[in-house]
Amino acid sequence: MDPARVSLPAVFRASCRRPPLPASMSRTVPHGFRWFAASAMACFLGVASLYSAGTGPKPRILTTITPIFSWASAVAGTNAIVENLLPADVGPHAFQLRPSDLRRIRQADLIVANGLGLEDWLDKAIGSNRGRSKAPRVLRVTEGWNLQLIHRLPILEIDPAAKPTDGHHHHDDDDSTPNPHVWLDPWFARHAVSNLVAAFRAIDPANADSYQARADAYQSRLASLDRDLRESIDRFPSKSIVTYHDAFPYFARRYGLDLVGVVEEVPSVEPSPRYLASLSKVIRARGVRVIFTEPQFDPRLVRQLSKDLGVAFAELDVLETGPLAPSFYEDGMRRNLGTLRAMLAK
């Protein structure tokens, strides 16, 4: 190989600048050879130290929604680059792919999605890339989740007149599509983290132990979160709730809450007067004390409904949007616990 044709990365070139020589060498070795020998040694030591430190390209992980970003970044630490496809203030129901998103999908080493129909646009994006580049690896964190999936609330039937008008598929459209909001069950979060660490270890075995150590620590925090939720909610004298949309059935099932109904039976479709009248009857009959809105939706309808019925209203976060941080999931779930405690524990 012609040494003149070898191009070193910039970090290597920087380490190969002419080094100072010991005085003994400068007196006995010709100048040109002295510089070459010392430079070669410096380059060798620099390259060896870089590889031994594992400074090669880090795996690029692309998550779809904020809770998954939170889990993935907590497990990845500094060993991988984790980015979220959706902007922090855009939920999966309203998201529309842009050309820049397709580029990010092509560049990812691993795409981590929820599944259960939440990201139908992802399948289309991967299909559009087929044949243009290597197919990205995709992990759906719901894979292997064996507990019964929930398809529909049993209390109220959806008004047949209510149909989505935004052109997107919704999990409420038919009985065959399960509710995708499994991340609000901390037991599911633990399952998702197990899937994540297995995938990270597979694509980056050199850092397998680091991923596993962080996953184990995070699993312990999730177990503590689950314990705090259960111990608090078990003591609530009132457990009947109404939420803004059908996002909390897994959470309610896990902790024994009575999820009486939802205000907006199809996301982004305003409920009909007939549906609201039926919901109001159920709220009165069940003695519901609070209706919960969500930060991702306009609260005016819930505010008016609570006023008409003489019940309280408060905000529960479905965690579909929010700051992209490793602590986001735990912080959001504990905020929700504080809200539930304030509204139901008295």
Protein backbone atom coordinates (compact mmCIF):
# COMPACT_ATOMS: atom_id res chain seq x y z
CA MET A 1 0.00 0.00 0.00
CA ASP A 2 1.29 3.48 -0.89
CA PRO A 3 1.60 5.40 2.42
CA ALA A 4 0.97 8.66 0.59
CA ARG A 5 -2.54 7.48 -0.24
CA VAL A 6 -3.57 6.64 3.32
CA SER A 7 -5.90 9.31 4.73
CA LEU A 8 -6.10 9.42 8.52
CA PRO A 9 -9.14 10.81 10.35
CA ALA A 10 -8.69 14.35 11.63
CA VAL A 11 -8.29 13.23 15.22
CA PHE A 12 -5.48 10.90 14.15
CA ARG A 13 -3.82 13.60 12.00
CA ALA A 14 -3.88 15.98 14.95
CA SER A 15 -2.07 13.42 17.10
CA CYS A 16 0.63 13.00 14.44
CA ARG A 17 2.08 16.48 14.54
CA ARG A 18 5.85 16.66 14.95
CA PRO A 19 6.66 15.80 18.59
CA PRO A 20 9.67 17.02 20.59
CA LEU A 21 12.54 14.56 20.70
CA PRO A 22 14.78 13.53 23.57
CA ALA A 23 18.14 15.34 23.50
CA SER A 24 20.04 12.07 23.07
CA MET A 25 18.12 11.19 19.93
CA SER A 26 18.54 14.64 18.44
CA ARG A 27 22.32 14.33 18.67
CA THR A 28 22.68 10.85 17.11
CA VAL A 29 19.92 10.40 14.52
CA PRO A 30 19.57 12.32 11.26
CA HIS A 31 16.90 14.99 11.46
CA GLY A 32 14.48 13.57 8.86
CA PHE A 33 14.52 10.06 10.28
CA ARG A 34 14.21 11.40 13.85
CA TRP A 35 10.95 13.14 12.95
CA PHE A 36 9.58 10.12 11.04
CA ALA A 37 10.29 7.63 13.86
CA ALA A 38 8.86 9.81 16.59
CA SER A 39 5.81 10.68 14.51
CA ALA A 40 5.14 7.04 13.69
CA MET A 41 5.33 6.11 17.37
CA ALA A 42 3.00 8.96 18.33
CA CYS A 43 0.50 7.95 15.66
CA PHE A 44 0.60 4.31 16.73
CA LEU A 45 0.09 5.14 20.39
CA GLY A 46 -2.70 7.57 19.54
CA VAL A 47 -4.57 5.11 17.34
CA ALA A 48 -4.15 2.28 19.85
CA SER A 49 -5.44 4.39 22.71
CA LEU A 50 -8.44 5.53 20.67
CA TYR A 51 -9.47 1.99 19.77
CA SER A 52 -8.86 0.64 23.24
CA ALA A 53 -11.13 3.38 24.60
CA GLY A 54 -13.89 2.34 22.19
CA THR A 55 -14.13 5.68 20.43
CA GLY A 56 -15.49 4.33 17.17
CA PRO A 57 -18.87 5.48 15.83
CA LYS A 58 -21.61 5.15 18.41
CA PRO A 59 -24.83 3.32 17.48
CA ARG A 60 -27.58 5.69 16.37
CA ILE A 61 -30.91 4.87 18.03
CA LEU A 62 -34.09 6.52 16.73
CA THR A 63 -37.17 6.30 18.97
CA THR A 64 -40.68 7.30 17.98
CA ILE A 65 -42.39 8.68 21.09
CA THR A 66 -41.25 10.45 24.24
CA PRO A 67 -41.69 7.59 26.76
CA ILE A 68 -39.60 5.26 24.60
CA PHE A 69 -36.93 7.96 24.25
CA SER A 70 -36.85 8.24 28.04
CA TRP A 71 -36.34 4.49 28.50
CA ALA A 72 -33.82 4.18 25.67
CA SER A 73 -31.68 7.12 26.77
CA ALA A 74 -31.65 5.86 30.37
CA VAL A 75 -30.27 2.51 29.17
CA ALA A 76 -27.94 3.91 26.49
CA GLY A 77 -26.14 6.45 28.66
CA THR A 78 -23.14 7.79 26.75
CA ASN A 79 -22.58 4.60 24.75
CA ALA A 80 -25.14 5.37 22.03
CA ILE A 81 -26.74 8.38 20.38
CA VAL A 82 -30.49 8.40 21.07
CA GLU A 83 -32.80 10.73 19.16
CA ASN A 84 -36.59 10.95 18.97
CA LEU A 85 -38.32 11.09 15.61
CA LEU A 86 -41.29 13.15 16.80
CA PRO A 87 -40.76 16.72 18.01
CA ALA A 88 -41.19 17.07 21.77
CA ASP A 89 -44.52 18.88 21.37
CA VAL A 90 -46.11 16.61 18.72
CA GLY A 91 -47.99 13.43 19.62
CA PRO A 92 -48.27 10.29 17.47
CA HIS A 93 -51.90 10.96 16.53
CA ALA A 94 -51.03 14.28 14.84
CA PHE A 95 -47.59 13.42 13.45
CA GLN A 96 -46.87 13.63 9.73
CA LEU A 97 -43.61 12.45 8.20
CA ARG A 98 -41.33 14.96 6.46
CA PRO A 99 -38.49 14.25 3.99
CA SER A 100 -35.97 15.00 6.75
CA ASP A 101 -37.60 12.28 8.87
CA LEU A 102 -37.07 9.74 6.10
CA ARG A 103 -33.37 10.61 6.07
CA ARG A 104 -33.14 10.09 9.83
CA ILE A 105 -34.85 6.72 9.47
CA ARG A 106 -32.31 5.66 6.82
CA GLN A 107 -29.36 6.72 9.00
CA ALA A 108 -30.48 4.91 12.17
CA ASP A 109 -28.85 1.68 13.28
CA LEU A 110 -31.95 0.79 15.29
CA ILE A 111 -35.48 2.20 15.26
CA VAL A 112 -37.49 1.67 18.44
CA ALA A 113 -41.27 1.94 18.16
CA ASN A 114 -44.29 1.16 20.31
CA GLY A 115 -46.26 -0.93 17.85
CA LEU A 116 -49.96 -1.88 18.20
CA GLY A 117 -50.89 0.46 15.35
CA LEU A 118 -49.64 3.64 17.02
CA GLU A 119 -47.05 4.38 14.32
CA ASP A 120 -48.69 3.28 11.07
CA TRP A 121 -46.68 6.00 9.34
CA LEU A 122 -43.45 4.22 10.31
CA ASP A 123 -44.29 1.12 8.27
CA LYS A 124 -44.99 3.35 5.27
CA ALA A 125 -41.70 5.18 5.75
CA ILE A 126 -39.68 1.96 5.95
CA GLY A 127 -41.51 0.67 2.89
CA SER A 128 -40.65 3.83 0.95
CA ASN A 129 -36.95 3.29 1.75
CA ARG A 130 -36.93 -0.32 0.58
CA GLY A 131 -34.43 -0.83 -2.22
CA ARG A 132 -32.73 2.54 -1.64
CA SER A 133 -30.62 1.54 1.36
CA LYS A 134 -30.15 -1.23 3.86
CA ALA A 135 -33.32 -1.96 5.78
CA PRO A 136 -33.11 -0.48 9.30
CA ARG A 137 -33.50 -2.75 12.28
CA VAL A 138 -36.82 -2.13 14.00
CA LEU A 139 -37.68 -3.05 17.58
CA ARG A 140 -41.28 -2.75 18.71
CA VAL A 141 -41.14 -2.68 22.48
CA THR A 142 -44.53 -4.41 22.72
CA GLU A 143 -43.01 -7.59 21.26
CA GLY A 144 -43.39 -10.47 23.70
CA TRP A 145 -45.92 -8.66 25.91
CA ASN A 146 -48.24 -11.50 26.84
CA LEU A 147 -50.77 -9.82 29.11
CA GLN A 148 -54.23 -9.30 27.65
CA LEU A 149 -54.46 -6.29 25.38
CA ILE A 150 -57.42 -3.96 25.78
CA HIS A 151 -59.53 -3.11 22.75
CA ARG A 152 -62.41 -1.00 24.03
CA LEU A 153 -63.96 0.34 27.21
CA PRO A 154 -67.01 -1.76 28.10
CA ILE A 155 -69.14 1.04 29.61
CA LEU A 156 -70.03 3.21 26.63
CA GLU A 157 -70.49 2.40 22.98
CA ILE A 158 -68.84 4.76 20.52
CA ASP A 159 -71.31 7.00 18.74
CA PRO A 160 -71.59 5.64 15.16
CA ALA A 161 -71.73 9.23 13.89
CA ALA A 162 -68.28 9.97 15.28
CA LYS A 163 -65.67 9.25 12.63
CA PRO A 164 -62.09 10.47 12.32
CA THR A 165 -61.73 13.41 9.95
CA ASP A 166 -57.95 13.89 10.02
CA GLY A 167 -57.03 11.13 7.59
CA HIS A 168 -55.19 9.06 10.22
CA HIS A 169 -55.96 5.60 11.49
CA HIS A 170 -56.99 5.53 15.16
CA HIS A 171 -56.92 2.64 17.59
CA ASP A 172 -60.60 3.26 18.36
CA ASP A 173 -61.70 2.70 14.76
CA ASP A 174 -62.42 -1.01 15.09
CA ASP A 175 -62.48 -3.79 17.64
CA SER A 176 -59.54 -5.62 16.06
CA THR A 177 -56.99 -2.92 16.90
CA PRO A 178 -55.73 -3.00 20.50
CA ASN A 179 -55.31 0.12 22.57
CA PRO A 180 -51.64 1.14 22.16
CA HIS A 181 -51.17 3.16 25.39
CA VAL A 182 -49.36 0.36 27.22
CA TRP A 183 -46.52 2.63 28.37
CA LEU A 184 -48.73 4.02 31.17
CA ASP A 185 -48.40 0.64 32.91
CA PRO A 186 -45.00 0.59 34.68
CA TRP A 187 -44.96 -3.20 34.44
CA PHE A 188 -45.00 -2.80 30.69
CA ALA A 189 -42.22 -0.21 30.94
CA ARG A 190 -40.08 -2.87 32.63
CA HIS A 191 -40.85 -5.29 29.79
CA ALA A 192 -39.89 -2.60 27.26
CA VAL A 193 -36.58 -1.94 29.01
CA SER A 194 -35.78 -5.68 28.85
CA ASN A 195 -36.39 -5.59 25.10
CA LEU A 196 -34.27 -2.45 24.74
CA VAL A 197 -31.23 -3.76 26.59
CA ALA A 198 -31.29 -7.00 24.59
CA ALA A 199 -31.34 -5.01 21.34
CA PHE A 200 -28.57 -2.64 22.46
CA ARG A 201 -26.35 -5.54 23.53
CA ALA A 202 -26.89 -7.17 20.12
CA ILE A 203 -25.91 -4.14 18.03
CA ASP A 204 -23.08 -2.99 20.33
CA PRO A 205 -21.65 -6.04 22.16
CA ALA A 206 -18.52 -4.13 23.21
CA ASN A 207 -20.65 -2.10 25.62
CA ALA A 208 -23.05 -4.88 26.64
CA ASP A 209 -22.09 -4.75 30.31
CA SER A 210 -22.63 -0.99 30.51
CA TYR A 211 -26.08 -1.27 28.94
CA GLN A 212 -27.03 -4.08 31.30
CA ALA A 213 -25.86 -2.21 34.40
CA ARG A 214 -27.91 0.86 33.50
CA ALA A 215 -30.93 -1.26 32.61
CA ASP A 216 -30.75 -3.06 35.97
CA ALA A 217 -30.61 0.26 37.84
CA TYR A 218 -33.52 1.63 35.82
CA GLN A 219 -35.57 -1.52 36.41
CA SER A 220 -35.12 -0.99 40.15
CA ARG A 221 -36.45 2.56 39.87
CA LEU A 222 -39.44 1.35 37.85
CA ALA A 223 -40.18 -1.26 40.52
CA SER A 224 -40.09 1.50 43.14
CA LEU A 225 -42.44 3.61 41.02
CA ASP A 226 -44.88 0.71 40.70
CA ARG A 227 -44.79 0.10 44.45
CA ASP A 228 -45.48 3.76 45.26
CA LEU A 229 -48.39 3.89 42.81
CA ARG A 230 -49.95 0.71 44.16
CA GLU A 231 -49.59 1.61 47.84
CA SER A 232 -51.06 5.07 47.30
CA ILE A 233 -53.96 4.13 45.02
CA ASP A 234 -54.95 1.19 47.23
CA ARG A 235 -55.79 3.71 49.96
CA PHE A 236 -58.01 5.95 47.82
CA PRO A 237 -61.64 5.90 49.08
CA SER A 238 -62.87 6.84 45.59
CA LYS A 239 -61.50 5.13 42.48
CA SER A 240 -63.98 6.07 39.72
CA ILE A 241 -62.54 8.33 37.03
CA VAL A 242 -63.32 9.71 33.57
CA THR A 243 -60.40 10.62 31.29
CA TYR A 244 -60.24 12.80 28.21
CA HIS A 245 -59.52 10.04 25.73
CA ASP A 246 -59.02 6.29 25.91
CA ALA A 247 -55.40 6.39 27.07
CA PHE A 248 -55.50 5.00 30.62
CA PRO A 249 -57.11 1.53 30.53
CA TYR A 250 -53.83 -0.32 31.21
CA PHE A 251 -52.97 2.05 34.06
CA ALA A 252 -56.48 1.68 35.50
CA ARG A 253 -56.37 -2.12 35.26
CA ARG A 254 -52.96 -2.30 36.90
CA TYR A 255 -53.96 -0.21 39.94
CA GLY A 256 -57.64 -1.01 40.36
CA LEU A 257 -59.11 2.29 39.19
CA ASP A 258 -62.67 2.25 37.85
CA LEU A 259 -62.38 3.86 34.42
CA VAL A 260 -66.00 4.83 33.82
CA GLY A 261 -65.63 6.45 30.41
CA VAL A 262 -63.84 8.95 28.20
CA VAL A 263 -64.87 12.40 26.99
CA GLU A 264 -63.50 12.15 23.46
CA GLU A 265 -64.21 8.65 22.19
CA VAL A 266 -62.23 9.13 18.97
CA PRO A 267 -59.03 11.20 19.17
CA SER A 268 -59.33 14.64 17.56
CA VAL A 269 -63.07 14.19 16.90
CA GLU A 270 -65.40 16.31 19.03
CA PRO A 271 -67.99 14.13 20.81
CA SER A 272 -71.61 14.49 19.80
CA PRO A 273 -74.27 15.91 22.15
CA ARG A 274 -75.86 12.45 22.29
CA TYR A 275 -72.61 10.87 23.45
CA LEU A 276 -72.00 13.55 26.07
CA ALA A 277 -75.53 13.06 27.39
CA SER A 278 -74.89 9.32 27.78
CA LEU A 279 -71.57 9.98 29.47
CA SER A 280 -73.17 12.47 31.87
CA LYS A 281 -75.72 9.86 32.96
CA VAL A 282 -72.97 7.35 33.68
CA ILE A 283 -70.94 9.93 35.63
CA ARG A 284 -73.93 10.71 37.85
CA ALA A 285 -74.86 7.04 38.30
CA ARG A 286 -71.31 6.02 39.25
CA GLY A 287 -70.68 8.95 41.58
CA VAL A 288 -67.61 10.09 39.66
CA ARG A 289 -65.91 12.95 41.49
CA VAL A 290 -63.37 14.08 38.90
CA ILE A 291 -62.93 14.28 35.12
CA PHE A 292 -59.37 14.35 33.85
CA THR A 293 -58.18 16.36 30.89
CA GLU A 294 -54.77 15.97 29.24
CA PRO A 295 -52.08 18.59 28.47
CA GLN A 296 -52.08 17.54 24.81
CA PHE A 297 -55.73 18.61 24.33
CA ASP A 298 -57.85 21.73 24.75
CA PRO A 299 -59.41 21.57 28.25
CA ARG A 300 -62.47 23.73 27.52
CA LEU A 301 -64.86 20.84 26.90
CA VAL A 302 -63.85 19.09 30.13
CA ARG A 303 -64.08 22.34 32.03
CA GLN A 304 -67.64 22.91 30.80
CA LEU A 305 -68.68 19.31 31.45
CA SER A 306 -67.35 19.41 35.00
CA LYS A 307 -69.19 22.67 35.62
CA ASP A 308 -72.48 21.26 34.28
CA LEU A 309 -72.17 18.13 36.43
CA GLY A 310 -70.74 19.78 39.53
CA VAL A 311 -67.62 17.59 39.61
CA ALA A 312 -63.95 18.51 39.77
CA PHE A 313 -61.54 18.42 36.85
CA ALA A 314 -57.76 18.03 36.79
CA GLU A 315 -54.98 17.11 34.37
CA LEU A 316 -53.48 13.65 33.85
CA ASP A 317 -50.57 13.42 31.43
CA VAL A 318 -50.68 10.62 28.86
CA LEU A 319 -46.94 11.30 28.32
CA GLU A 320 -47.21 11.38 24.54
CA THR A 321 -45.33 14.69 24.47
CA GLY A 322 -42.84 16.39 26.75
CA PRO A 323 -39.15 17.10 27.33
CA LEU A 324 -36.72 14.60 25.86
CA ALA A 325 -34.91 13.47 29.00
CA PRO A 326 -34.06 10.11 30.64
CA SER A 327 -36.06 11.11 33.73
CA PHE A 328 -39.18 12.13 31.77
CA TYR A 329 -41.14 8.89 32.27
CA GLU A 330 -40.54 8.60 36.00
CA ASP A 331 -41.16 12.30 36.59
CA GLY A 332 -44.39 12.26 34.56
CA MET A 333 -45.77 9.17 36.26
CA ARG A 334 -45.03 10.60 39.70
CA ARG A 335 -46.73 13.87 38.75
CA ASN A 336 -49.78 11.84 37.73
CA LEU A 337 -49.69 10.07 41.08
CA GLY A 338 -49.63 13.44 42.84
CA THR A 339 -52.66 14.57 40.83
CA LEU A 340 -54.59 11.38 41.57
CA ARG A 341 -53.75 11.65 45.25
CA ALA A 342 -54.94 15.27 45.37
CA MET A 343 -58.25 14.45 43.66
CA LEU A 344 -59.14 10.98 45.00
CA ALA A 345 -57.47 10.54 48.38
CA LYS A 346 -59.75 12.94 50.28
